Amino acid sequence: MTQHAHAEYQQHVVHAKRLKSLPRRDVLRDYWAKTLLIPDGARRFLTKHLRAGDSVPINFAVLVADCILAAQDVSPAPSAASPRKVQQIRTAANRLHETVSNVAALTPITTDLGFQSGLDVLRHWEPSSETPSSNNKGNPERRAYIEYVALRFYENFREIHVEAVGEIVMLVWPNTQDRTVRHVLSTRRQEELIKEFEAGLRQRSGADTVAQVALARMRTDRGIQSLAADEEKVVAAILQLDPAKGNTELRQALHAAIAVHTSPPLVEEKAPA
């Protein structure tokens, strides 16, 4: 990014932060938000949703602000492993298994179920035969951002409007051409991104269900005992809902919740070492 482009991007960041601080009813009164609705792609997308009133333009402006503020944190996903790399990983995992399996000093580690299951996965790893249609050509950071914006667009509107997505991307990567965005967001790649999003949505929904069941169980001592037994599942579920929460923090909160609702013997039994 050139010095001029960086300065322009920083201005967008200032505007995006201001817009995010506004009450929803005031978003469309913001002069910067109004400029976001002018480009051809944005107008074509919004024209399709005129019956929704101001809700779609407001959501669109907020989406643009969110994407701009997230730009610095978007990074390319790891590339798919080649068959040779897969074989190297399996070989290394098997070698590690043979090397540490009979070392007495490492027994507490090698007998840990998490270590065993993780190593077994690597020893017998067979990557999915479905490879994403995206490739490593071009700028990987820009490609990652294009796909990020497309996913956020789909999350908000349940469609990917390629032209409007490209206009958002150009606020961060001003030299991006329309054909570059169309190339990255091919029909097949759009389908893959939507499939990934929907799969993640189902997973988050499942995590939410587990968390709600866990909270419901707190209403009885018998339920607390069950909750304590399912601690790993509960922590994993909540981490899916909010990855920012630390594992230790969640466990402490879980134990505290259990302590409030159950008898002292169970608390002593479940207290962390």
C-alpha atoms as a PDB file:
ATOM      1  CA  MET A   1       0.000   0.000   0.000  1.00  0.00           C
ATOM      2  CA  THR A   2       1.440   3.383  -1.028  1.00  0.00           C
ATOM      3  CA  GLN A   3       1.808   6.231   1.461  1.00  0.00           C
ATOM      4  CA  HIS A   4      -1.117   8.058  -0.126  1.00  0.00           C
ATOM      5  CA  ALA A   5      -3.315   4.950  -0.072  1.00  0.00           C
ATOM      6  CA  HIS A   6      -2.392   4.312   3.562  1.00  0.00           C
ATOM      7  CA  ALA A   7      -3.333   7.883   4.526  1.00  0.00           C
ATOM      8  CA  GLU A   8      -6.659   7.474   2.705  1.00  0.00           C
ATOM      9  CA  TYR A   9      -7.280   4.179   4.475  1.00  0.00           C
ATOM     10  CA  GLN A  10      -6.590   5.782   7.863  1.00  0.00           C
ATOM     11  CA  GLN A  11      -9.200   8.412   7.057  1.00  0.00           C
ATOM     12  CA  HIS A  12     -11.688   5.647   6.341  1.00  0.00           C
ATOM     13  CA  VAL A  13     -10.827   4.108   9.716  1.00  0.00           C
ATOM     14  CA  VAL A  14     -11.612   7.416  11.443  1.00  0.00           C
ATOM     15  CA  HIS A  15     -14.947   7.652   9.621  1.00  0.00           C
ATOM     16  CA  ALA A  16     -15.774   3.993  10.346  1.00  0.00           C
ATOM     17  CA  LYS A  17     -15.132   4.417  14.067  1.00  0.00           C
ATOM     18  CA  ARG A  18     -17.332   7.499  14.140  1.00  0.00           C
ATOM     19  CA  LEU A  19     -20.136   5.729  12.288  1.00  0.00           C
ATOM     20  CA  LYS A  20     -19.969   2.760  14.668  1.00  0.00           C
ATOM     21  CA  SER A  21     -20.427   5.113  17.612  1.00  0.00           C
ATOM     22  CA  LEU A  22     -23.662   6.535  16.209  1.00  0.00           C
ATOM     23  CA  PRO A  23     -27.155   5.414  17.203  1.00  0.00           C
ATOM     24  CA  ARG A  24     -28.651   3.319  14.431  1.00  0.00           C
ATOM     25  CA  ARG A  25     -31.243   5.998  13.640  1.00  0.00           C
ATOM     26  CA  ASP A  26     -28.450   8.494  12.875  1.00  0.00           C
ATOM     27  CA  VAL A  27     -26.329   6.330  10.569  1.00  0.00           C
ATOM     28  CA  LEU A  28     -27.808   7.571   7.291  1.00  0.00           C
ATOM     29  CA  ARG A  29     -27.413  11.186   8.398  1.00  0.00           C
ATOM     30  CA  ASP A  30     -23.637  10.722   8.520  1.00  0.00           C
ATOM     31  CA  TYR A  31     -21.963  12.314   5.496  1.00  0.00           C
ATOM     32  CA  TRP A  32     -19.461   9.456   5.098  1.00  0.00           C
ATOM     33  CA  ALA A  33     -22.206   6.833   5.249  1.00  0.00           C
ATOM     34  CA  LYS A  34     -23.990   8.675   2.443  1.00  0.00           C
ATOM     35  CA  THR A  35     -20.889   8.419   0.227  1.00  0.00           C
ATOM     36  CA  LEU A  36     -20.870   4.629   0.731  1.00  0.00           C
ATOM     37  CA  LEU A  37     -24.289   4.358  -0.951  1.00  0.00           C
ATOM     38  CA  ILE A  38     -23.288   6.257  -4.117  1.00  0.00           C
ATOM     39  CA  PRO A  39     -21.046   3.810  -6.086  1.00  0.00           C
ATOM     40  CA  ASP A  40     -22.742   1.831  -8.864  1.00  0.00           C
ATOM     41  CA  GLY A  41     -22.509  -1.554  -7.189  1.00  0.00           C
ATOM     42  CA  ALA A  42     -23.934  -0.280  -3.917  1.00  0.00           C
ATOM     43  CA  ARG A  43     -26.799   1.480  -5.736  1.00  0.00           C
ATOM     44  CA  ARG A  44     -27.620  -1.614  -7.771  1.00  0.00           C
ATOM     45  CA  PHE A  45     -27.627  -3.778  -4.658  1.00  0.00           C
ATOM     46  CA  LEU A  46     -29.716  -1.341  -2.617  1.00  0.00           C
ATOM     47  CA  THR A  47     -32.215  -0.831  -5.455  1.00  0.00           C
ATOM     48  CA  LYS A  48     -33.131  -4.500  -5.163  1.00  0.00           C
ATOM     49  CA  HIS A  49     -34.110  -3.927  -1.540  1.00  0.00           C
ATOM     50  CA  LEU A  50     -36.063  -0.674  -1.687  1.00  0.00           C
ATOM     51  CA  ARG A  51     -39.093  -2.265  -0.039  1.00  0.00           C
ATOM     52  CA  ALA A  52     -37.056  -2.851   3.125  1.00  0.00           C
ATOM     53  CA  GLY A  53     -36.880   0.896   3.751  1.00  0.00           C
ATOM     54  CA  ASP A  54     -33.816   2.227   5.544  1.00  0.00           C
ATOM     55  CA  SER A  55     -32.845  -1.037   7.226  1.00  0.00           C
ATOM     56  CA  VAL A  56     -30.767  -2.390   4.326  1.00  0.00           C
ATOM     57  CA  PRO A  57     -28.867   0.882   3.648  1.00  0.00           C
ATOM     58  CA  ILE A  58     -28.121   1.175   7.369  1.00  0.00           C
ATOM     59  CA  ASN A  59     -26.933  -2.429   7.549  1.00  0.00           C
ATOM     60  CA  PHE A  60     -24.852  -1.868   4.430  1.00  0.00           C
ATOM     61  CA  ALA A  61     -23.120   1.219   5.844  1.00  0.00           C
ATOM     62  CA  VAL A  62     -22.419  -0.562   9.134  1.00  0.00           C
ATOM     63  CA  LEU A  63     -21.094  -3.566   7.216  1.00  0.00           C
ATOM     64  CA  VAL A  64     -18.639  -1.346   5.325  1.00  0.00           C
ATOM     65  CA  ALA A  65     -17.462   0.216   8.592  1.00  0.00           C
ATOM     66  CA  ASP A  66     -17.002  -3.227  10.165  1.00  0.00           C
ATOM     67  CA  CYS A  67     -15.013  -4.487   7.180  1.00  0.00           C
ATOM     68  CA  ILE A  68     -12.716  -1.457   7.224  1.00  0.00           C
ATOM     69  CA  LEU A  69     -12.050  -1.807  10.947  1.00  0.00           C
ATOM     70  CA  ALA A  70     -11.353  -5.530  10.550  1.00  0.00           C
ATOM     71  CA  ALA A  71      -8.982  -5.141   7.598  1.00  0.00           C
ATOM     72  CA  GLN A  72      -5.791  -5.166   9.680  1.00  0.00           C
ATOM     73  CA  ASP A  73      -6.763  -8.465  11.303  1.00  0.00           C
ATOM     74  CA  VAL A  74      -7.606 -10.387   8.136  1.00  0.00           C
ATOM     75  CA  SER A  75      -4.826 -12.759   7.105  1.00  0.00           C
ATOM     76  CA  PRO A  76      -4.542 -15.456   4.423  1.00  0.00           C
ATOM     77  CA  ALA A  77      -5.639 -18.931   5.412  1.00  0.00           C
ATOM     78  CA  PRO A  78      -2.945 -21.637   5.419  1.00  0.00           C
ATOM     79  CA  SER A  79      -2.551 -23.219   2.010  1.00  0.00           C
ATOM     80  CA  ALA A  80      -3.679 -26.792   1.418  1.00  0.00           C
ATOM     81  CA  ALA A  81      -1.056 -29.467   2.029  1.00  0.00           C
ATOM     82  CA  SER A  82       0.406 -31.192  -1.014  1.00  0.00           C
ATOM     83  CA  PRO A  83       0.465 -35.030  -1.108  1.00  0.00           C
ATOM     84  CA  ARG A  84       4.207 -34.870  -0.374  1.00  0.00           C
ATOM     85  CA  LYS A  85       3.619 -32.639   2.646  1.00  0.00           C
ATOM     86  CA  VAL A  86       0.922 -34.973   3.923  1.00  0.00           C
ATOM     87  CA  GLN A  87       3.324 -37.919   3.727  1.00  0.00           C
ATOM     88  CA  GLN A  88       6.048 -35.938   5.522  1.00  0.00           C
ATOM     89  CA  ILE A  89       3.634 -35.103   8.352  1.00  0.00           C
ATOM     90  CA  ARG A  90       2.503 -38.717   8.732  1.00  0.00           C
ATOM     91  CA  THR A  91       6.105 -39.943   8.744  1.00  0.00           C
ATOM     92  CA  ALA A  92       7.152 -37.369  11.341  1.00  0.00           C
ATOM     93  CA  ALA A  93       4.157 -38.240  13.537  1.00  0.00           C
ATOM     94  CA  ASN A  94       4.934 -41.968  13.377  1.00  0.00           C
ATOM     95  CA  ARG A  95       8.573 -41.281  14.191  1.00  0.00           C
ATOM     96  CA  LEU A  96       7.557 -39.163  17.184  1.00  0.00           C
ATOM     97  CA  HIS A  97       5.186 -41.890  18.369  1.00  0.00           C
ATOM     98  CA  GLU A  98       7.936 -44.512  18.247  1.00  0.00           C
ATOM     99  CA  THR A  99      10.486 -42.202  19.906  1.00  0.00           C
ATOM    100  CA  VAL A 100       8.467 -41.140  22.946  1.00  0.00           C
ATOM    101  CA  SER A 101       6.214 -44.143  23.564  1.00  0.00           C
ATOM    102  CA  ASN A 102       8.598 -45.926  25.983  1.00  0.00           C
ATOM    103  CA  VAL A 103      10.226 -42.941  27.700  1.00  0.00           C
ATOM    104  CA  ALA A 104       9.220 -43.131  31.381  1.00  0.00           C
ATOM    105  CA  ALA A 105       9.765 -39.441  32.050  1.00  0.00           C
ATOM    106  CA  LEU A 106       7.263 -38.583  29.294  1.00  0.00           C
ATOM    107  CA  THR A 107       4.546 -40.996  30.424  1.00  0.00           C
ATOM    108  CA  PRO A 108       2.312 -38.241  31.897  1.00  0.00           C
ATOM    109  CA  ILE A 109       2.354 -36.563  28.480  1.00  0.00           C
ATOM    110  CA  THR A 110       2.196 -39.586  26.197  1.00  0.00           C
ATOM    111  CA  THR A 111      -0.682 -41.142  28.142  1.00  0.00           C
ATOM    112  CA  ASP A 112      -2.723 -37.943  27.999  1.00  0.00           C
ATOM    113  CA  LEU A 113      -5.822 -38.576  25.890  1.00  0.00           C
ATOM    114  CA  GLY A 114      -5.513 -35.246  24.126  1.00  0.00           C
ATOM    115  CA  PHE A 115      -1.910 -35.928  23.126  1.00  0.00           C
ATOM    116  CA  GLN A 116      -2.731 -39.463  21.995  1.00  0.00           C
ATOM    117  CA  SER A 117      -5.726 -38.472  19.899  1.00  0.00           C
ATOM    118  CA  GLY A 118      -3.888 -35.546  18.310  1.00  0.00           C
ATOM    119  CA  LEU A 119      -0.899 -37.669  17.407  1.00  0.00           C
ATOM    120  CA  ASP A 120      -3.123 -40.454  16.051  1.00  0.00           C
ATOM    121  CA  VAL A 121      -4.856 -37.941  13.774  1.00  0.00           C
ATOM    122  CA  LEU A 122      -1.484 -36.875  12.345  1.00  0.00           C
ATOM    123  CA  ARG A 123      -0.260 -40.477  11.997  1.00  0.00           C
ATOM    124  CA  HIS A 124      -3.276 -41.408   9.882  1.00  0.00           C
ATOM    125  CA  TRP A 125      -4.043 -38.026   8.343  1.00  0.00           C
ATOM    126  CA  GLU A 126      -5.999 -38.137   5.091  1.00  0.00           C
ATOM    127  CA  PRO A 127      -6.890 -34.559   4.014  1.00  0.00           C
ATOM    128  CA  SER A 128     -10.227 -33.918   2.394  1.00  0.00           C
ATOM    129  CA  SER A 129     -10.314 -34.738  -1.300  1.00  0.00           C
ATOM    130  CA  GLU A 130     -12.270 -31.510  -1.834  1.00  0.00           C
ATOM    131  CA  THR A 131      -9.787 -28.755  -2.569  1.00  0.00           C
ATOM    132  CA  PRO A 132     -10.919 -25.114  -2.632  1.00  0.00           C
ATOM    133  CA  SER A 133     -11.123 -23.543  -6.051  1.00  0.00           C
ATOM    134  CA  SER A 134      -9.022 -20.543  -4.978  1.00  0.00           C
ATOM    135  CA  ASN A 135      -5.337 -20.541  -5.867  1.00  0.00           C
ATOM    136  CA  ASN A 136      -2.183 -18.823  -4.651  1.00  0.00           C
ATOM    137  CA  LYS A 137      -1.844 -16.414  -7.569  1.00  0.00           C
ATOM    138  CA  GLY A 138      -1.869 -12.682  -6.950  1.00  0.00           C
ATOM    139  CA  ASN A 139      -1.766 -10.897  -3.607  1.00  0.00           C
ATOM    140  CA  PRO A 140      -2.735 -13.394  -0.850  1.00  0.00           C
ATOM    141  CA  GLU A 141      -3.600 -10.656   1.685  1.00  0.00           C
ATOM    142  CA  ARG A 142      -5.927  -8.930  -0.772  1.00  0.00           C
ATOM    143  CA  ARG A 143      -7.508 -12.225  -1.808  1.00  0.00           C
ATOM    144  CA  ALA A 144      -8.139 -13.074   1.851  1.00  0.00           C
ATOM    145  CA  TYR A 145      -9.763  -9.689   2.368  1.00  0.00           C
ATOM    146  CA  ILE A 146     -11.981 -10.067  -0.704  1.00  0.00           C
ATOM    147  CA  GLU A 147     -13.231 -13.382   0.637  1.00  0.00           C
ATOM    148  CA  TYR A 148     -13.662 -11.921   4.118  1.00  0.00           C
ATOM    149  CA  VAL A 149     -15.852  -9.094   2.801  1.00  0.00           C
ATOM    150  CA  ALA A 150     -17.838 -11.564   0.685  1.00  0.00           C
ATOM    151  CA  LEU A 151     -18.505 -13.724   3.748  1.00  0.00           C
ATOM    152  CA  ARG A 152     -19.571 -10.742   5.839  1.00  0.00           C
ATOM    153  CA  PHE A 153     -21.829  -9.619   2.970  1.00  0.00           C
ATOM    154  CA  TYR A 154     -23.460 -13.031   2.882  1.00  0.00           C
ATOM    155  CA  GLU A 155     -23.768 -13.066   6.666  1.00  0.00           C
ATOM    156  CA  ASN A 156     -25.733  -9.805   6.573  1.00  0.00           C
ATOM    157  CA  PHE A 157     -27.787 -10.181   3.388  1.00  0.00           C
ATOM    158  CA  ARG A 158     -27.707 -13.880   2.464  1.00  0.00           C
ATOM    159  CA  GLU A 159     -26.256 -13.059  -0.930  1.00  0.00           C
ATOM    160  CA  ILE A 160     -22.879 -12.036  -2.344  1.00  0.00           C
ATOM    161  CA  HIS A 161     -23.121  -8.978  -4.587  1.00  0.00           C
ATOM    162  CA  VAL A 162     -19.720  -9.131  -6.266  1.00  0.00           C
ATOM    163  CA  GLU A 163     -19.741  -5.558  -7.549  1.00  0.00           C
ATOM    164  CA  ALA A 164     -20.650  -4.095  -4.144  1.00  0.00           C
ATOM    165  CA  VAL A 165     -18.086  -6.331  -2.455  1.00  0.00           C
ATOM    166  CA  GLY A 166     -15.421  -5.021  -4.842  1.00  0.00           C
ATOM    167  CA  GLU A 167     -16.261  -1.428  -3.966  1.00  0.00           C
ATOM    168  CA  ILE A 168     -15.817  -2.161  -0.267  1.00  0.00           C
ATOM    169  CA  VAL A 169     -12.501  -3.870  -0.964  1.00  0.00           C
ATOM    170  CA  MET A 170     -11.308  -0.836  -2.915  1.00  0.00           C
ATOM    171  CA  LEU A 171     -11.635   1.325   0.189  1.00  0.00           C
ATOM    172  CA  VAL A 172      -8.794  -0.724   1.675  1.00  0.00           C
ATOM    173  CA  TRP A 173      -7.021  -1.833  -1.522  1.00  0.00           C
ATOM    174  CA  PRO A 174      -7.657   1.147  -3.858  1.00  0.00           C
ATOM    175  CA  ASN A 175      -5.836  -0.306  -6.870  1.00  0.00           C
ATOM    176  CA  THR A 176      -8.013  -3.408  -6.990  1.00  0.00           C
ATOM    177  CA  GLN A 177      -9.672  -3.980 -10.358  1.00  0.00           C
ATOM    178  CA  ASP A 178     -13.174  -5.329 -10.880  1.00  0.00           C
ATOM    179  CA  ARG A 179     -11.863  -8.310 -12.799  1.00  0.00           C
ATOM    180  CA  THR A 180      -9.605  -9.234  -9.860  1.00  0.00           C
ATOM    181  CA  VAL A 181     -12.613  -9.404  -7.540  1.00  0.00           C
ATOM    182  CA  ARG A 182     -14.637 -11.382 -10.097  1.00  0.00           C
ATOM    183  CA  HIS A 183     -11.736 -13.790 -10.528  1.00  0.00           C
ATOM    184  CA  VAL A 184     -11.431 -14.407  -6.783  1.00  0.00           C
ATOM    185  CA  LEU A 185     -15.194 -14.665  -6.318  1.00  0.00           C
ATOM    186  CA  SER A 186     -15.911 -17.088  -9.109  1.00  0.00           C
ATOM    187  CA  THR A 187     -19.283 -18.829  -9.019  1.00  0.00           C
ATOM    188  CA  ARG A 188     -17.675 -21.955  -7.610  1.00  0.00           C
ATOM    189  CA  ARG A 189     -15.757 -20.031  -4.938  1.00  0.00           C
ATOM    190  CA  GLN A 190     -18.914 -18.210  -3.879  1.00  0.00           C
ATOM    191  CA  GLU A 191     -20.646 -21.557  -3.454  1.00  0.00           C
ATOM    192  CA  GLU A 192     -17.730 -22.823  -1.353  1.00  0.00           C
ATOM    193  CA  LEU A 193     -17.731 -19.737   0.868  1.00  0.00           C
ATOM    194  CA  ILE A 194     -21.487 -19.986   1.419  1.00  0.00           C
ATOM    195  CA  LYS A 195     -21.155 -23.680   2.250  1.00  0.00           C
ATOM    196  CA  GLU A 196     -18.389 -22.902   4.761  1.00  0.00           C
ATOM    197  CA  PHE A 197     -20.474 -20.169   6.361  1.00  0.00           C
ATOM    198  CA  GLU A 198     -23.601 -22.320   6.675  1.00  0.00           C
ATOM    199  CA  ALA A 199     -21.560 -25.168   8.182  1.00  0.00           C
ATOM    200  CA  GLY A 200     -20.101 -22.756  10.727  1.00  0.00           C
ATOM    201  CA  LEU A 201     -23.578 -21.424  11.463  1.00  0.00           C
ATOM    202  CA  ARG A 202     -24.842 -24.917  12.241  1.00  0.00           C
ATOM    203  CA  GLN A 203     -21.824 -25.505  14.474  1.00  0.00           C
ATOM    204  CA  ARG A 204     -22.433 -22.251  16.361  1.00  0.00           C
ATOM    205  CA  SER A 205     -26.095 -23.165  16.698  1.00  0.00           C
ATOM    206  CA  GLY A 206     -25.083 -26.504  18.199  1.00  0.00           C
ATOM    207  CA  ALA A 207     -22.721 -24.762  20.597  1.00  0.00           C
ATOM    208  CA  ASP A 208     -25.491 -22.389  21.648  1.00  0.00           C
ATOM    209  CA  THR A 209     -27.786 -25.336  22.342  1.00  0.00           C
ATOM    210  CA  VAL A 210     -25.163 -27.035  24.528  1.00  0.00           C
ATOM    211  CA  ALA A 211     -24.575 -23.821  26.463  1.00  0.00           C
ATOM    212  CA  GLN A 212     -28.314 -23.321  27.029  1.00  0.00           C
ATOM    213  CA  VAL A 213     -28.711 -26.906  28.227  1.00  0.00           C
ATOM    214  CA  ALA A 214     -25.754 -26.385  30.561  1.00  0.00           C
ATOM    215  CA  LEU A 215     -27.384 -23.311  32.080  1.00  0.00           C
ATOM    216  CA  ALA A 216     -30.684 -25.135  32.475  1.00  0.00           C
ATOM    217  CA  ARG A 217     -28.955 -27.935  34.348  1.00  0.00           C
ATOM    218  CA  MET A 218     -27.847 -25.487  37.022  1.00  0.00           C
ATOM    219  CA  ARG A 219     -31.383 -25.431  38.405  1.00  0.00           C
ATOM    220  CA  THR A 220     -30.988 -28.720  40.288  1.00  0.00           C
ATOM    221  CA  ASP A 221     -28.178 -30.357  42.259  1.00  0.00           C
ATOM    222  CA  ARG A 222     -28.506 -33.417  40.040  1.00  0.00           C
ATOM    223  CA  GLY A 223     -28.142 -31.172  37.021  1.00  0.00           C
ATOM    224  CA  ILE A 224     -25.006 -29.588  38.514  1.00  0.00           C
ATOM    225  CA  GLN A 225     -23.405 -32.999  38.870  1.00  0.00           C
ATOM    226  CA  SER A 226     -24.151 -33.682  35.209  1.00  0.00           C
ATOM    227  CA  LEU A 227     -22.798 -30.254  34.244  1.00  0.00           C
ATOM    228  CA  ALA A 228     -19.598 -30.909  36.170  1.00  0.00           C
ATOM    229  CA  ALA A 229     -19.185 -34.230  34.384  1.00  0.00           C
ATOM    230  CA  ASP A 230     -19.672 -32.498  31.016  1.00  0.00           C
ATOM    231  CA  GLU A 231     -17.216 -29.695  31.778  1.00  0.00           C
ATOM    232  CA  GLU A 232     -15.103 -30.283  28.646  1.00  0.00           C
ATOM    233  CA  LYS A 233     -18.153 -30.104  26.375  1.00  0.00           C
ATOM    234  CA  VAL A 234     -19.491 -26.995  28.070  1.00  0.00           C
ATOM    235  CA  VAL A 235     -16.184 -25.137  27.869  1.00  0.00           C
ATOM    236  CA  ALA A 236     -15.740 -26.120  24.206  1.00  0.00           C
ATOM    237  CA  ALA A 237     -19.277 -24.963  23.422  1.00  0.00           C
ATOM    238  CA  ILE A 238     -18.816 -21.570  25.033  1.00  0.00           C
ATOM    239  CA  LEU A 239     -15.436 -21.110  23.352  1.00  0.00           C
ATOM    240  CA  GLN A 240     -17.177 -21.641  20.010  1.00  0.00           C
ATOM    241  CA  LEU A 241     -19.657 -18.922  20.902  1.00  0.00           C
ATOM    242  CA  ASP A 242     -16.971 -16.490  22.072  1.00  0.00           C
ATOM    243  CA  PRO A 243     -13.377 -17.483  21.146  1.00  0.00           C
ATOM    244  CA  ALA A 244     -12.087 -14.368  22.909  1.00  0.00           C
ATOM    245  CA  LYS A 245     -12.786 -15.968  26.276  1.00  0.00           C
ATOM    246  CA  GLY A 246      -9.825 -17.862  27.672  1.00  0.00           C
ATOM    247  CA  ASN A 247     -10.069 -21.540  28.541  1.00  0.00           C
ATOM    248  CA  THR A 248      -8.913 -20.913  32.119  1.00  0.00           C
ATOM    249  CA  GLU A 249     -11.354 -18.036  32.560  1.00  0.00           C
ATOM    250  CA  LEU A 250     -14.252 -20.214  31.437  1.00  0.00           C
ATOM    251  CA  ARG A 251     -13.326 -23.072  33.741  1.00  0.00           C
ATOM    252  CA  GLN A 252     -13.057 -20.734  36.716  1.00  0.00           C
ATOM    253  CA  ALA A 253     -16.451 -19.248  35.894  1.00  0.00           C
ATOM    254  CA  LEU A 254     -17.943 -22.720  35.475  1.00  0.00           C
ATOM    255  CA  HIS A 255     -16.584 -23.886  38.825  1.00  0.00           C
ATOM    256  CA  ALA A 256     -17.861 -20.712  40.474  1.00  0.00           C
ATOM    257  CA  ALA A 257     -21.326 -21.283  39.015  1.00  0.00           C
ATOM    258  CA  ILE A 258     -21.313 -24.886  40.190  1.00  0.00           C
ATOM    259  CA  ALA A 259     -20.170 -23.809  43.666  1.00  0.00           C
ATOM    260  CA  VAL A 260     -23.132 -21.460  44.009  1.00  0.00           C
ATOM    261  CA  HIS A 261     -25.692 -24.121  43.133  1.00  0.00           C
ATOM    262  CA  THR A 262     -24.393 -27.300  44.730  1.00  0.00           C
ATOM    263  CA  SER A 263     -23.210 -28.777  48.003  1.00  0.00           C
ATOM    264  CA  PRO A 264     -19.673 -28.267  49.471  1.00  0.00           C
ATOM    265  CA  PRO A 265     -18.493 -31.883  48.901  1.00  0.00           C
ATOM    266  CA  LEU A 266     -19.093 -31.608  45.139  1.00  0.00           C
ATOM    267  CA  VAL A 267     -17.329 -28.234  45.011  1.00  0.00           C
ATOM    268  CA  GLU A 268     -14.275 -29.678  46.733  1.00  0.00           C
ATOM    269  CA  GLU A 269     -14.295 -32.617  44.357  1.00  0.00           C
ATOM    270  CA  LYS A 270     -14.474 -30.453  41.258  1.00  0.00           C
ATOM    271  CA  ALA A 271     -12.201 -27.592  42.382  1.00  0.00           C
ATOM    272  CA  PRO A 272      -9.179 -27.185  40.056  1.00  0.00           C
ATOM    273  CA  ALA A 273      -5.828 -28.332  41.389  1.00  0.00           C
END
